N, C-alpha and C. Protein backbone atom coordinates (compact mmCIF):
# COMPACT_ATOMS: atom_id res chain seq x y z
N MET A 1 16.69 25.51 33.95
CA MET A 1 15.32 25.21 33.56
C MET A 1 14.73 24.22 34.56
N LYS A 2 13.47 24.41 34.91
CA LYS A 2 12.80 23.52 35.85
C LYS A 2 12.65 22.13 35.23
N PRO A 3 12.72 21.07 36.06
CA PRO A 3 12.58 19.71 35.53
C PRO A 3 11.26 19.48 34.79
N GLU A 4 10.15 20.05 35.30
CA GLU A 4 8.84 19.87 34.63
C GLU A 4 8.85 20.51 33.25
N LYS A 5 9.45 21.70 33.15
CA LYS A 5 9.51 22.41 31.87
C LYS A 5 10.39 21.66 30.89
N ASP A 6 11.50 21.11 31.38
CA ASP A 6 12.39 20.32 30.54
C ASP A 6 11.68 19.08 30.02
N ALA A 7 10.92 18.40 30.88
CA ALA A 7 10.17 17.22 30.47
C ALA A 7 9.10 17.59 29.45
N SER A 8 8.43 18.71 29.65
CA SER A 8 7.42 19.17 28.70
C SER A 8 8.05 19.46 27.35
N ASN A 9 9.19 20.12 27.36
CA ASN A 9 9.87 20.42 26.10
C ASN A 9 10.29 19.15 25.37
N ARG A 10 10.77 18.16 26.11
CA ARG A 10 11.16 16.88 25.49
C ARG A 10 9.94 16.19 24.90
N THR A 11 8.83 16.21 25.63
CA THR A 11 7.59 15.58 25.15
C THR A 11 7.12 16.26 23.87
N ILE A 12 7.09 17.58 23.88
CA ILE A 12 6.64 18.34 22.71
C ILE A 12 7.55 18.05 21.52
N ALA A 13 8.85 18.07 21.74
CA ALA A 13 9.79 17.81 20.65
C ALA A 13 9.61 16.40 20.09
N TYR A 14 9.45 15.42 20.96
CA TYR A 14 9.32 14.03 20.52
C TYR A 14 8.05 13.82 19.70
N PHE A 15 6.92 14.28 20.20
CA PHE A 15 5.64 14.02 19.53
C PHE A 15 5.28 15.04 18.45
N SER A 16 6.09 16.06 18.28
CA SER A 16 5.88 17.01 17.19
C SER A 16 6.50 16.50 15.88
N ARG A 17 7.21 15.41 15.96
CA ARG A 17 7.82 14.85 14.76
C ARG A 17 6.73 14.48 13.75
N THR A 18 7.06 14.65 12.48
CA THR A 18 6.12 14.37 11.39
C THR A 18 5.58 12.95 11.46
N GLY A 19 6.40 12.01 11.90
CA GLY A 19 5.98 10.61 11.95
C GLY A 19 4.81 10.34 12.88
N PHE A 20 4.55 11.23 13.81
CA PHE A 20 3.43 11.04 14.74
C PHE A 20 2.16 11.79 14.33
N ARG A 21 2.26 12.68 13.35
CA ARG A 21 1.15 13.58 13.04
C ARG A 21 -0.16 12.83 12.78
N ARG A 22 -0.17 11.93 11.81
CA ARG A 22 -1.43 11.23 11.47
C ARG A 22 -1.89 10.30 12.59
N ALA A 23 -0.96 9.68 13.28
CA ALA A 23 -1.34 8.78 14.37
C ALA A 23 -2.03 9.56 15.49
N LEU A 24 -1.46 10.68 15.87
CA LEU A 24 -2.07 11.49 16.93
C LEU A 24 -3.42 12.04 16.50
N GLU A 25 -3.52 12.54 15.28
CA GLU A 25 -4.80 13.05 14.79
C GLU A 25 -5.86 11.95 14.80
N ALA A 26 -5.48 10.75 14.41
CA ALA A 26 -6.42 9.62 14.41
C ALA A 26 -6.84 9.25 15.83
N MET A 27 -5.89 9.30 16.77
CA MET A 27 -6.23 8.98 18.17
C MET A 27 -7.14 10.04 18.76
N TRP A 28 -6.85 11.31 18.49
CA TRP A 28 -7.69 12.38 19.02
C TRP A 28 -9.08 12.32 18.41
N LYS A 29 -9.17 12.01 17.14
CA LYS A 29 -10.48 11.88 16.49
C LYS A 29 -11.28 10.73 17.11
N LYS A 30 -10.62 9.63 17.38
CA LYS A 30 -11.29 8.48 18.00
C LYS A 30 -11.78 8.84 19.40
N TYR A 31 -10.95 9.55 20.17
CA TYR A 31 -11.35 9.97 21.51
C TYR A 31 -12.57 10.88 21.45
N VAL A 32 -12.56 11.84 20.55
CA VAL A 32 -13.67 12.78 20.41
C VAL A 32 -14.96 12.03 20.08
N SER A 33 -14.89 11.07 19.16
CA SER A 33 -16.10 10.36 18.74
C SER A 33 -16.61 9.39 19.80
N LEU A 34 -15.70 8.69 20.49
CA LEU A 34 -16.13 7.74 21.52
C LEU A 34 -16.48 8.40 22.84
N GLY A 35 -15.85 9.52 23.12
CA GLY A 35 -16.07 10.19 24.40
C GLY A 35 -15.27 9.57 25.53
N ARG A 36 -14.28 8.74 25.19
CA ARG A 36 -13.44 8.08 26.20
C ARG A 36 -12.19 7.55 25.51
N ILE A 37 -11.22 7.16 26.32
CA ILE A 37 -10.02 6.55 25.77
C ILE A 37 -10.33 5.07 25.55
N GLY A 38 -10.50 4.71 24.30
CA GLY A 38 -10.84 3.34 23.93
C GLY A 38 -10.80 3.20 22.43
N GLY A 39 -11.01 2.00 21.96
CA GLY A 39 -11.00 1.74 20.54
C GLY A 39 -9.60 1.81 19.97
N GLN A 40 -9.52 1.82 18.65
CA GLN A 40 -8.25 1.85 17.96
C GLN A 40 -8.22 2.97 16.93
N ALA A 41 -7.09 3.63 16.85
CA ALA A 41 -6.85 4.59 15.79
C ALA A 41 -6.11 3.85 14.69
N VAL A 42 -6.42 4.19 13.45
CA VAL A 42 -5.80 3.50 12.32
C VAL A 42 -5.06 4.51 11.45
N VAL A 43 -3.82 4.18 11.14
CA VAL A 43 -3.03 4.96 10.19
C VAL A 43 -2.92 4.09 8.94
N GLU A 44 -3.65 4.47 7.90
CA GLU A 44 -3.65 3.72 6.65
C GLU A 44 -2.37 4.00 5.87
N ARG A 45 -1.85 2.99 5.24
CA ARG A 45 -0.67 3.12 4.38
C ARG A 45 0.40 3.99 5.04
N ALA A 46 0.87 3.54 6.18
CA ALA A 46 1.86 4.28 6.95
C ALA A 46 3.15 4.48 6.15
N SER A 47 3.70 5.66 6.28
CA SER A 47 4.97 5.98 5.62
C SER A 47 6.12 5.38 6.42
N GLU A 48 7.30 5.42 5.85
CA GLU A 48 8.49 4.93 6.55
C GLU A 48 8.71 5.72 7.83
N GLU A 49 8.54 7.03 7.74
CA GLU A 49 8.72 7.90 8.91
C GLU A 49 7.69 7.59 10.00
N GLU A 50 6.44 7.32 9.61
CA GLU A 50 5.40 6.98 10.58
C GLU A 50 5.70 5.63 11.23
N CYS A 51 6.11 4.66 10.43
CA CYS A 51 6.45 3.35 10.98
C CYS A 51 7.60 3.47 11.97
N GLU A 52 8.61 4.24 11.62
CA GLU A 52 9.75 4.43 12.50
C GLU A 52 9.33 5.03 13.84
N ALA A 53 8.49 6.06 13.80
CA ALA A 53 8.05 6.73 15.03
C ALA A 53 7.21 5.79 15.89
N ILE A 54 6.23 5.13 15.28
CA ILE A 54 5.33 4.25 16.03
C ILE A 54 6.08 3.02 16.53
N ASN A 55 6.90 2.43 15.67
CA ASN A 55 7.66 1.25 16.07
C ASN A 55 8.60 1.55 17.23
N SER A 56 9.23 2.72 17.21
CA SER A 56 10.17 3.07 18.29
C SER A 56 9.44 3.27 19.62
N LEU A 57 8.22 3.75 19.56
CA LEU A 57 7.46 3.96 20.79
C LEU A 57 6.98 2.64 21.40
N PHE A 58 6.49 1.74 20.54
CA PHE A 58 5.88 0.50 21.02
C PHE A 58 6.77 -0.73 20.90
N GLY A 59 7.87 -0.63 20.16
CA GLY A 59 8.68 -1.81 19.91
C GLY A 59 8.04 -2.75 18.90
N TRP A 60 7.24 -2.19 18.01
CA TRP A 60 6.56 -2.98 16.98
C TRP A 60 7.44 -3.08 15.74
N ASN A 61 6.93 -3.79 14.73
CA ASN A 61 7.68 -3.97 13.49
C ASN A 61 6.80 -3.71 12.27
N ASN A 62 6.13 -2.58 12.24
CA ASN A 62 5.31 -2.21 11.07
C ASN A 62 6.23 -1.81 9.93
N LYS A 63 5.74 -2.05 8.73
CA LYS A 63 6.50 -1.72 7.53
C LYS A 63 5.74 -0.66 6.72
N PRO A 64 6.47 0.17 5.98
CA PRO A 64 5.80 1.17 5.14
C PRO A 64 4.74 0.53 4.26
N GLY A 65 3.59 1.17 4.21
CA GLY A 65 2.46 0.65 3.44
C GLY A 65 1.46 -0.10 4.30
N ASP A 66 1.88 -0.53 5.50
CA ASP A 66 0.97 -1.23 6.42
C ASP A 66 -0.10 -0.28 6.94
N SER A 67 -1.24 -0.86 7.32
CA SER A 67 -2.23 -0.13 8.12
C SER A 67 -1.89 -0.41 9.57
N VAL A 68 -1.59 0.64 10.31
CA VAL A 68 -1.16 0.49 11.69
C VAL A 68 -2.34 0.80 12.61
N ARG A 69 -2.67 -0.15 13.46
CA ARG A 69 -3.76 0.01 14.43
C ARG A 69 -3.15 0.27 15.80
N ILE A 70 -3.59 1.37 16.40
CA ILE A 70 -3.04 1.77 17.70
C ILE A 70 -4.18 1.81 18.72
N PRO A 71 -4.21 0.87 19.65
CA PRO A 71 -5.22 0.93 20.72
C PRO A 71 -4.97 2.16 21.60
N LEU A 72 -6.00 2.98 21.77
CA LEU A 72 -5.84 4.20 22.56
C LEU A 72 -5.45 3.91 24.00
N GLU A 73 -6.02 2.86 24.58
CA GLU A 73 -5.67 2.52 25.97
C GLU A 73 -4.19 2.18 26.09
N LEU A 74 -3.65 1.46 25.11
CA LEU A 74 -2.23 1.10 25.13
C LEU A 74 -1.36 2.35 24.98
N PHE A 75 -1.72 3.23 24.05
CA PHE A 75 -0.96 4.46 23.87
C PHE A 75 -0.97 5.30 25.14
N ASP A 76 -2.14 5.44 25.74
CA ASP A 76 -2.28 6.22 26.97
C ASP A 76 -1.42 5.61 28.08
N GLN A 77 -1.45 4.31 28.19
CA GLN A 77 -0.65 3.60 29.21
C GLN A 77 0.85 3.80 28.94
N GLU A 78 1.27 3.66 27.70
CA GLU A 78 2.68 3.86 27.34
C GLU A 78 3.14 5.27 27.72
N LEU A 79 2.29 6.26 27.44
CA LEU A 79 2.64 7.63 27.79
C LEU A 79 2.82 7.80 29.29
N ARG A 80 1.85 7.29 30.05
CA ARG A 80 1.89 7.47 31.50
C ARG A 80 3.08 6.75 32.13
N GLU A 81 3.42 5.57 31.61
CA GLU A 81 4.49 4.77 32.21
C GLU A 81 5.87 5.11 31.66
N SER A 82 5.93 5.90 30.62
CA SER A 82 7.21 6.27 30.01
C SER A 82 7.83 7.44 30.75
N GLY A 83 8.95 7.87 30.25
CA GLY A 83 9.61 9.05 30.81
C GLY A 83 8.83 10.33 30.56
N PHE A 84 7.81 10.26 29.67
CA PHE A 84 7.03 11.45 29.38
C PHE A 84 6.08 11.78 30.53
N GLY A 85 5.51 10.75 31.14
CA GLY A 85 4.66 10.94 32.31
C GLY A 85 3.37 11.70 32.07
N ASN A 86 2.88 11.70 30.84
CA ASN A 86 1.63 12.38 30.51
C ASN A 86 0.60 11.34 30.12
N ASP A 87 -0.57 11.83 29.78
CA ASP A 87 -1.58 10.95 29.19
C ASP A 87 -2.01 11.57 27.86
N LEU A 88 -2.91 10.90 27.16
CA LEU A 88 -3.34 11.33 25.84
C LEU A 88 -3.94 12.75 25.86
N LEU A 89 -4.75 13.03 26.86
CA LEU A 89 -5.40 14.35 26.94
C LEU A 89 -4.39 15.46 27.24
N GLU A 90 -3.44 15.18 28.12
CA GLU A 90 -2.41 16.17 28.44
C GLU A 90 -1.50 16.39 27.23
N LEU A 91 -1.22 15.34 26.49
CA LEU A 91 -0.39 15.47 25.29
C LEU A 91 -1.07 16.39 24.27
N HIS A 92 -2.37 16.25 24.11
CA HIS A 92 -3.10 17.13 23.19
C HIS A 92 -2.99 18.58 23.65
N ARG A 93 -3.19 18.81 24.94
CA ARG A 93 -3.10 20.18 25.47
C ARG A 93 -1.71 20.76 25.25
N MET A 94 -0.70 19.93 25.44
CA MET A 94 0.68 20.41 25.27
C MET A 94 0.97 20.76 23.80
N LEU A 95 0.52 19.91 22.89
CA LEU A 95 0.83 20.12 21.48
C LEU A 95 -0.07 21.14 20.79
N LYS A 96 -1.34 21.18 21.19
CA LYS A 96 -2.31 22.05 20.52
C LYS A 96 -2.63 23.32 21.31
N GLY A 97 -2.25 23.34 22.59
CA GLY A 97 -2.50 24.53 23.40
C GLY A 97 -3.94 24.67 23.88
N LYS A 98 -4.71 23.58 23.78
CA LYS A 98 -6.10 23.62 24.24
C LYS A 98 -6.53 22.20 24.62
N PRO A 99 -7.56 22.10 25.44
CA PRO A 99 -8.01 20.76 25.85
C PRO A 99 -8.68 20.00 24.70
N LEU A 100 -8.62 18.70 24.78
CA LEU A 100 -9.29 17.83 23.82
C LEU A 100 -10.68 17.52 24.38
N LEU A 101 -11.71 17.97 23.67
CA LEU A 101 -13.08 17.82 24.16
C LEU A 101 -13.82 16.79 23.32
N THR A 102 -14.66 16.00 24.00
CA THR A 102 -15.51 15.06 23.31
C THR A 102 -16.63 15.80 22.61
N LYS A 103 -17.39 15.10 21.76
CA LYS A 103 -18.52 15.74 21.09
C LYS A 103 -19.52 16.29 22.10
N SER A 104 -19.80 15.51 23.13
CA SER A 104 -20.78 15.96 24.12
C SER A 104 -20.26 17.16 24.91
N GLU A 105 -18.97 17.20 25.21
CA GLU A 105 -18.40 18.36 25.91
C GLU A 105 -18.45 19.60 25.03
N ARG A 106 -18.18 19.43 23.74
CA ARG A 106 -18.27 20.58 22.82
C ARG A 106 -19.70 21.09 22.74
N LYS A 107 -20.66 20.16 22.64
CA LYS A 107 -22.07 20.55 22.55
C LYS A 107 -22.49 21.30 23.82
N ALA A 108 -22.09 20.77 24.97
CA ALA A 108 -22.43 21.43 26.24
C ALA A 108 -21.81 22.82 26.29
N GLY A 109 -20.59 22.97 25.79
CA GLY A 109 -19.93 24.28 25.76
C GLY A 109 -20.66 25.26 24.86
N HIS A 110 -21.12 24.78 23.70
CA HIS A 110 -21.88 25.65 22.79
C HIS A 110 -23.19 26.08 23.43
N GLN A 111 -23.86 25.15 24.08
CA GLN A 111 -25.13 25.48 24.74
C GLN A 111 -24.90 26.50 25.86
N GLU A 112 -23.83 26.33 26.61
CA GLU A 112 -23.51 27.27 27.68
C GLU A 112 -23.20 28.65 27.10
N ASN A 113 -22.51 28.70 25.98
CA ASN A 113 -22.21 29.99 25.34
C ASN A 113 -23.49 30.70 24.90
N TRP A 114 -24.44 29.96 24.32
CA TRP A 114 -25.72 30.56 23.92
C TRP A 114 -26.50 31.04 25.15
N ARG A 115 -26.53 30.21 26.20
CA ARG A 115 -27.22 30.60 27.42
C ARG A 115 -26.64 31.89 27.99
N ARG A 116 -25.33 31.98 28.02
CA ARG A 116 -24.65 33.17 28.54
C ARG A 116 -24.94 34.39 27.67
N LEU A 117 -24.94 34.19 26.35
CA LEU A 117 -25.22 35.29 25.44
C LEU A 117 -26.62 35.87 25.68
N PHE A 118 -27.62 34.99 25.80
CA PHE A 118 -28.99 35.46 26.03
C PHE A 118 -29.14 36.10 27.40
N ALA A 119 -28.45 35.56 28.40
CA ALA A 119 -28.50 36.15 29.74
C ALA A 119 -27.90 37.56 29.72
N GLU A 120 -26.78 37.71 29.00
CA GLU A 120 -26.17 39.03 28.89
C GLU A 120 -27.08 40.00 28.13
N ALA A 121 -27.73 39.52 27.08
CA ALA A 121 -28.65 40.37 26.31
C ALA A 121 -29.83 40.80 27.17
N ARG A 122 -30.38 39.86 27.96
CA ARG A 122 -31.47 40.21 28.87
C ARG A 122 -31.02 41.24 29.88
N GLY A 123 -29.80 41.05 30.42
CA GLY A 123 -29.26 42.01 31.39
C GLY A 123 -29.07 43.39 30.79
N ALA A 124 -28.54 43.42 29.57
CA ALA A 124 -28.32 44.71 28.90
C ALA A 124 -29.65 45.39 28.61
N ALA A 125 -30.65 44.62 28.18
CA ALA A 125 -31.97 45.19 27.89
C ALA A 125 -32.60 45.72 29.18
N SER A 126 -32.43 44.98 30.26
CA SER A 126 -32.99 45.40 31.54
C SER A 126 -32.33 46.69 32.01
N ASP A 127 -31.00 46.78 31.82
CA ASP A 127 -30.28 47.99 32.22
C ASP A 127 -30.73 49.20 31.39
N GLN A 128 -30.99 48.97 30.11
CA GLN A 128 -31.34 50.08 29.23
C GLN A 128 -32.80 50.49 29.38
N TRP A 129 -33.71 49.52 29.49
CA TRP A 129 -35.15 49.82 29.44
C TRP A 129 -35.83 49.72 30.80
N GLY A 130 -35.11 49.26 31.79
CA GLY A 130 -35.70 49.19 33.12
C GLY A 130 -36.83 48.17 33.18
N PRO A 131 -37.88 48.50 33.94
CA PRO A 131 -38.96 47.53 34.15
C PRO A 131 -39.79 47.27 32.88
N TYR A 132 -39.59 48.03 31.82
CA TYR A 132 -40.40 47.87 30.60
C TYR A 132 -39.76 46.90 29.60
N SER A 133 -38.57 46.41 29.91
CA SER A 133 -37.85 45.56 28.93
C SER A 133 -38.44 44.15 28.91
N LEU A 134 -38.42 43.58 27.71
CA LEU A 134 -38.76 42.17 27.46
C LEU A 134 -40.07 41.74 28.11
N GLN A 135 -41.09 42.57 27.98
CA GLN A 135 -42.39 42.17 28.54
C GLN A 135 -43.35 41.81 27.46
């Protein structure tokens, strides 16, 4: 197996653990709303499994029931400097199979899809009706 593929598989296995689910969802939600890596994601009333996962990554000492605040910049830095060698956006792509888009990127994508749809409709009408279409 190629070293990159092996590293990807290790990253996916590590962060697919149940203990990371809510933390990652909170971080991705924060990224989408802010449009950048910043702010803090909060895991309210963290479970024992969540505390174990987060504590092992950061060397923290959260206890079950705590609200755990995770600065996105710190998480991103930990990922890049760790053996995983990824960042927050690449981690999302690896785990979800698609890029993590901000609200403005999603909006721009929707607008582009509508623009393309109307351009295709105009083209189809022009092909069918010739010079008499859409006048």
